[in-house]
Amino acid sequence: MLLPGTGSDEVFVRAVFERPLRALGVPLVAPPPPAGGALADGYLATLDALADEHGELLVGGISFGAHLAAEWAVHNPRRCGGLLAALPAWNGAPGPAPASRAATLTADLVAGSGVDAALAQTAGGPDWLRAELDRAWRRHGDGLAEGLRVAAGRPSPTLAELAGLAVPAGIGTCTDDPVHPTKVASAWASALPRAALGETTLTALGADRESLGRATVLAFLRALRTA
């Protein structure tokens, strides 16, 4: 089961991961985001229910979704068979992490001026990213600002907690992404006992959504070979 990032949705998760996982014969479960303040706890409850039904899970996500999947894995190591973490944004408390600051500022703008005003602030960004945000933010509806705040303030697992998670893990990063720094992804990969780092770029992601999924899945396959 893979989870989307802050303000994103399952449509983007499927675009990134569905075909790379299908190539391995792994079906993708990617439910839509729970509304508003239920974003984090709702996804964690869904992971619990899926594990109760099916047993051991391969879990992961993109950005905040990767944080939640890792959080669940840390607390459920016997029910986790592996981790796919693309674009982790911080470890431990978010502090001044760029992704946390961006989510907070966006939440304030959405709450004060509406989604259209927030989308107008993305005018200088790549067309593909603006289109993704336009679709996903509107789908979140009235719960967007509250969901953004949940994500912005929630700690991810600490490096010490990740060091205790002995499952194979693929960590994906875009080396030109200042919001999800490669140094964070590298720290995750170094802390996890059985992990590898896969790299791509935002430029590649804009042209081919699956480039991030392939980088993360290939890193996971390398991690599987480690003892």
Protein backbone atom coordinates (compact mmCIF):
# COMPACT_ATOMS: atom_id res chain seq x y z
CA MET A 1 0.00 0.00 0.00
CA LEU A 2 1.45 3.35 -1.06
CA LEU A 3 0.42 6.78 0.19
CA PRO A 4 0.58 10.23 -1.45
CA GLY A 5 2.40 13.31 -0.29
CA THR A 6 1.04 16.48 1.29
CA GLY A 7 -1.88 17.84 -0.73
CA SER A 8 -1.40 15.11 -3.33
CA ASP A 9 -3.58 12.11 -4.12
CA GLU A 10 -3.67 8.47 -5.18
CA VAL A 11 -3.76 9.48 -8.86
CA PHE A 12 -0.16 10.67 -8.65
CA VAL A 13 0.89 7.62 -6.63
CA ARG A 14 -0.48 5.35 -9.35
CA ALA A 15 1.24 7.35 -12.09
CA VAL A 16 4.57 6.96 -10.29
CA PHE A 17 4.43 3.40 -8.97
CA GLU A 18 1.78 1.28 -10.67
CA ARG A 19 3.75 0.09 -13.68
CA PRO A 20 7.14 -0.32 -11.93
CA LEU A 21 5.44 -2.52 -9.32
CA ARG A 22 3.40 -4.39 -11.92
CA ALA A 23 6.66 -5.35 -13.63
CA LEU A 24 7.49 -7.26 -10.45
CA GLY A 25 4.03 -8.80 -10.19
CA VAL A 26 3.17 -6.62 -7.18
CA PRO A 27 -0.37 -5.15 -7.12
CA LEU A 28 -0.65 -1.55 -5.97
CA VAL A 29 -3.15 -0.49 -3.33
CA ALA A 30 -3.46 3.31 -3.28
CA PRO A 31 -6.56 4.59 -1.48
CA PRO A 32 -7.66 8.24 -1.72
CA PRO A 33 -6.59 10.60 1.08
CA PRO A 34 -8.75 10.76 4.22
CA ALA A 35 -10.34 14.17 4.62
CA GLY A 36 -8.80 17.07 6.53
CA GLY A 37 -7.57 16.36 10.03
CA ALA A 38 -8.05 12.61 9.57
CA LEU A 39 -5.27 12.49 6.97
CA ALA A 40 -2.58 10.81 9.06
CA ASP A 41 -4.60 8.71 11.50
CA GLY A 42 -6.97 7.65 8.74
CA TYR A 43 -4.15 6.30 6.60
CA LEU A 44 -2.53 4.54 9.55
CA ALA A 45 -5.86 2.89 10.38
CA THR A 46 -6.18 1.76 6.76
CA LEU A 47 -2.73 0.18 6.94
CA ASP A 48 -3.74 -1.63 10.13
CA ALA A 49 -6.91 -2.93 8.51
CA LEU A 50 -5.08 -4.07 5.38
CA ALA A 51 -2.47 -5.91 7.45
CA ASP A 52 -5.22 -7.56 9.51
CA GLU A 53 -6.79 -8.79 6.29
CA HIS A 54 -3.75 -9.75 4.24
CA GLY A 55 -0.83 -10.14 6.64
CA GLU A 56 2.62 -8.77 5.86
CA LEU A 57 2.61 -5.61 3.72
CA LEU A 58 5.00 -3.82 1.42
CA VAL A 59 4.34 -0.20 2.38
CA GLY A 60 5.55 3.15 1.19
CA GLY A 61 4.68 6.48 -0.29
CA ILE A 62 5.82 9.80 -1.58
CA SER A 63 6.97 12.64 0.71
CA PHE A 64 4.54 12.77 3.66
CA GLY A 65 3.16 9.42 2.50
CA ALA A 66 6.65 7.96 2.89
CA HIS A 67 6.81 9.39 6.42
CA LEU A 68 3.50 7.76 7.38
CA ALA A 69 4.45 4.43 5.86
CA ALA A 70 7.77 4.45 7.72
CA GLU A 71 6.00 5.44 10.94
CA TRP A 72 3.64 2.50 10.55
CA ALA A 73 6.53 0.15 9.73
CA VAL A 74 8.50 1.25 12.80
CA HIS A 75 5.52 0.39 15.01
CA ASN A 76 4.61 -2.79 13.10
CA PRO A 77 7.91 -4.39 12.09
CA ARG A 78 6.50 -7.93 12.10
CA ARG A 79 3.73 -6.92 9.72
CA CYS A 80 5.98 -5.01 7.32
CA GLY A 81 7.82 -6.86 4.56
CA GLY A 82 9.50 -3.83 3.02
CA LEU A 83 9.46 -0.07 2.55
CA LEU A 84 9.35 2.12 -0.57
CA ALA A 85 10.04 5.71 0.52
CA ALA A 86 10.19 8.32 -2.23
CA LEU A 87 11.18 11.91 -1.45
CA PRO A 88 11.29 11.86 2.37
CA ALA A 89 11.30 15.48 3.53
CA TRP A 90 12.67 15.31 7.10
CA ASN A 91 13.46 12.95 9.94
CA GLY A 92 12.17 13.41 13.47
CA ALA A 93 10.53 16.78 14.16
CA PRO A 94 9.95 18.82 10.98
CA GLY A 95 11.56 21.96 12.39
CA PRO A 96 12.47 24.36 9.54
CA ALA A 97 12.25 21.69 6.82
CA PRO A 98 11.33 23.32 3.48
CA ALA A 99 8.42 20.96 2.86
CA SER A 100 6.93 21.72 6.27
CA ARG A 101 7.25 25.48 5.79
CA ALA A 102 5.73 25.25 2.30
CA ALA A 103 2.76 23.21 3.55
CA THR A 104 2.12 25.67 6.39
CA LEU A 105 2.26 28.70 4.10
CA THR A 106 -0.03 27.00 1.60
CA ALA A 107 -2.50 26.07 4.34
CA ASP A 108 -2.61 29.68 5.53
CA LEU A 109 -3.17 30.94 1.99
CA VAL A 110 -5.91 28.39 1.25
CA ALA A 111 -7.67 29.16 4.54
CA GLY A 112 -7.45 32.92 4.04
CA SER A 113 -7.90 33.36 0.30
CA GLY A 114 -8.99 30.07 -1.21
CA VAL A 115 -7.53 27.42 -3.48
CA ASP A 116 -7.42 29.62 -6.58
CA ALA A 117 -5.21 32.14 -4.78
CA ALA A 118 -2.90 29.37 -3.60
CA LEU A 119 -2.68 27.91 -7.09
CA ALA A 120 -1.84 31.34 -8.48
CA GLN A 121 1.32 31.27 -6.35
CA THR A 122 2.55 28.25 -8.35
CA ALA A 123 2.56 30.22 -11.61
CA GLY A 124 6.35 30.12 -11.88
CA GLY A 125 6.56 26.35 -11.45
CA PRO A 126 6.68 23.62 -14.09
CA ASP A 127 3.44 23.09 -16.02
CA TRP A 128 3.20 19.43 -15.02
CA LEU A 129 3.46 20.23 -11.31
CA ARG A 130 0.88 23.01 -11.55
CA ALA A 131 -1.52 20.62 -13.27
CA GLU A 132 -0.99 17.98 -10.56
CA LEU A 133 -1.60 20.51 -7.79
CA ASP A 134 -4.67 21.94 -9.52
CA ARG A 135 -6.30 18.51 -9.68
CA ALA A 136 -5.25 17.24 -6.26
CA TRP A 137 -5.87 20.41 -4.22
CA ARG A 138 -9.38 20.76 -5.64
CA ARG A 139 -10.12 17.11 -4.84
CA HIS A 140 -9.19 17.71 -1.19
CA GLY A 141 -11.93 20.33 -1.04
CA ASP A 142 -12.67 22.04 2.25
CA GLY A 143 -10.27 19.75 4.11
CA LEU A 144 -7.16 20.85 2.19
CA ALA A 145 -5.86 23.44 4.66
CA GLU A 146 -6.35 21.21 7.68
CA GLY A 147 -4.70 18.26 5.94
CA LEU A 148 -1.72 20.42 5.00
CA ARG A 149 -1.31 21.48 8.62
CA VAL A 150 -1.47 17.88 9.82
CA ALA A 151 1.33 16.96 7.45
CA ALA A 152 3.42 20.06 8.19
CA GLY A 153 3.53 19.42 11.93
CA ARG A 154 3.81 15.65 12.19
CA PRO A 155 7.22 14.17 13.04
CA SER A 156 8.58 11.45 10.83
CA PRO A 157 10.53 8.55 12.35
CA THR A 158 13.86 9.57 13.82
CA LEU A 159 17.06 8.16 12.38
CA ALA A 160 17.40 6.05 15.53
CA GLU A 161 13.94 4.59 14.95
CA LEU A 162 14.76 3.87 11.32
CA ALA A 163 17.94 2.12 12.44
CA GLY A 164 15.77 -0.43 14.24
CA LEU A 165 13.70 -1.28 11.15
CA ALA A 166 15.42 -4.27 9.57
CA VAL A 167 13.28 -4.62 6.45
CA PRO A 168 14.50 -4.07 2.89
CA ALA A 169 13.93 -0.45 1.93
CA GLY A 170 14.20 1.47 -1.30
CA ILE A 171 14.64 5.22 -0.86
CA GLY A 172 14.00 7.45 -3.88
CA THR A 173 15.22 11.02 -4.35
CA CYS A 174 15.26 13.75 -6.99
CA THR A 175 18.72 15.25 -6.76
CA ASP A 176 17.52 18.68 -7.91
CA ASP A 177 14.58 18.94 -5.48
CA PRO A 178 15.18 21.59 -2.78
CA VAL A 179 11.90 20.79 -1.00
CA HIS A 180 12.82 17.12 -0.50
CA PRO A 181 16.61 17.33 -0.09
CA THR A 182 18.70 14.40 -1.20
CA LYS A 183 20.63 14.70 2.07
CA VAL A 184 17.45 13.64 3.89
CA ALA A 185 16.95 10.64 1.61
CA SER A 186 20.62 9.72 2.04
CA ALA A 187 20.27 9.93 5.82
CA TRP A 188 17.26 7.59 5.70
CA ALA A 189 19.14 5.14 3.49
CA SER A 190 22.19 5.24 5.77
CA ALA A 191 20.14 4.75 8.93
CA LEU A 192 18.04 1.82 7.72
CA PRO A 193 19.96 -1.44 8.10
CA ARG A 194 18.87 -2.83 4.71
CA ALA A 195 18.39 0.10 2.37
CA ALA A 196 19.59 1.46 -0.94
CA LEU A 197 19.20 4.90 -2.49
CA GLY A 198 17.82 5.47 -5.98
CA GLU A 199 18.23 8.79 -7.78
CA THR A 200 16.39 10.66 -10.50
CA THR A 201 15.59 14.34 -11.14
CA LEU A 202 12.55 16.60 -11.15
CA THR A 203 13.21 17.21 -14.83
CA ALA A 204 12.93 13.48 -15.49
CA LEU A 205 9.86 13.24 -13.27
CA GLY A 206 8.16 15.99 -15.25
CA ALA A 207 8.63 14.07 -18.47
CA ASP A 208 8.03 10.60 -17.02
CA ARG A 209 6.22 10.11 -13.71
CA GLU A 210 7.45 6.53 -13.52
CA SER A 211 11.09 7.65 -13.31
CA LEU A 212 10.69 8.17 -9.55
CA GLY A 213 8.90 4.87 -9.11
CA ARG A 214 11.60 3.01 -11.04
CA ALA A 215 14.40 4.63 -9.04
CA THR A 216 12.72 3.69 -5.76
CA VAL A 217 11.79 0.15 -6.79
CA LEU A 218 15.26 -0.55 -8.20
CA ALA A 219 16.76 0.67 -4.94
CA PHE A 220 14.43 -1.72 -3.10
CA LEU A 221 15.62 -4.61 -5.27
CA ARG A 222 19.23 -3.77 -4.41
CA ALA A 223 18.29 -3.68 -0.73
CA LEU A 224 16.77 -7.15 -1.00
CA ARG A 225 20.21 -8.51 -1.80
CA THR A 226 21.75 -7.18 1.42
CA ALA A 227 22.02 -9.47 4.39
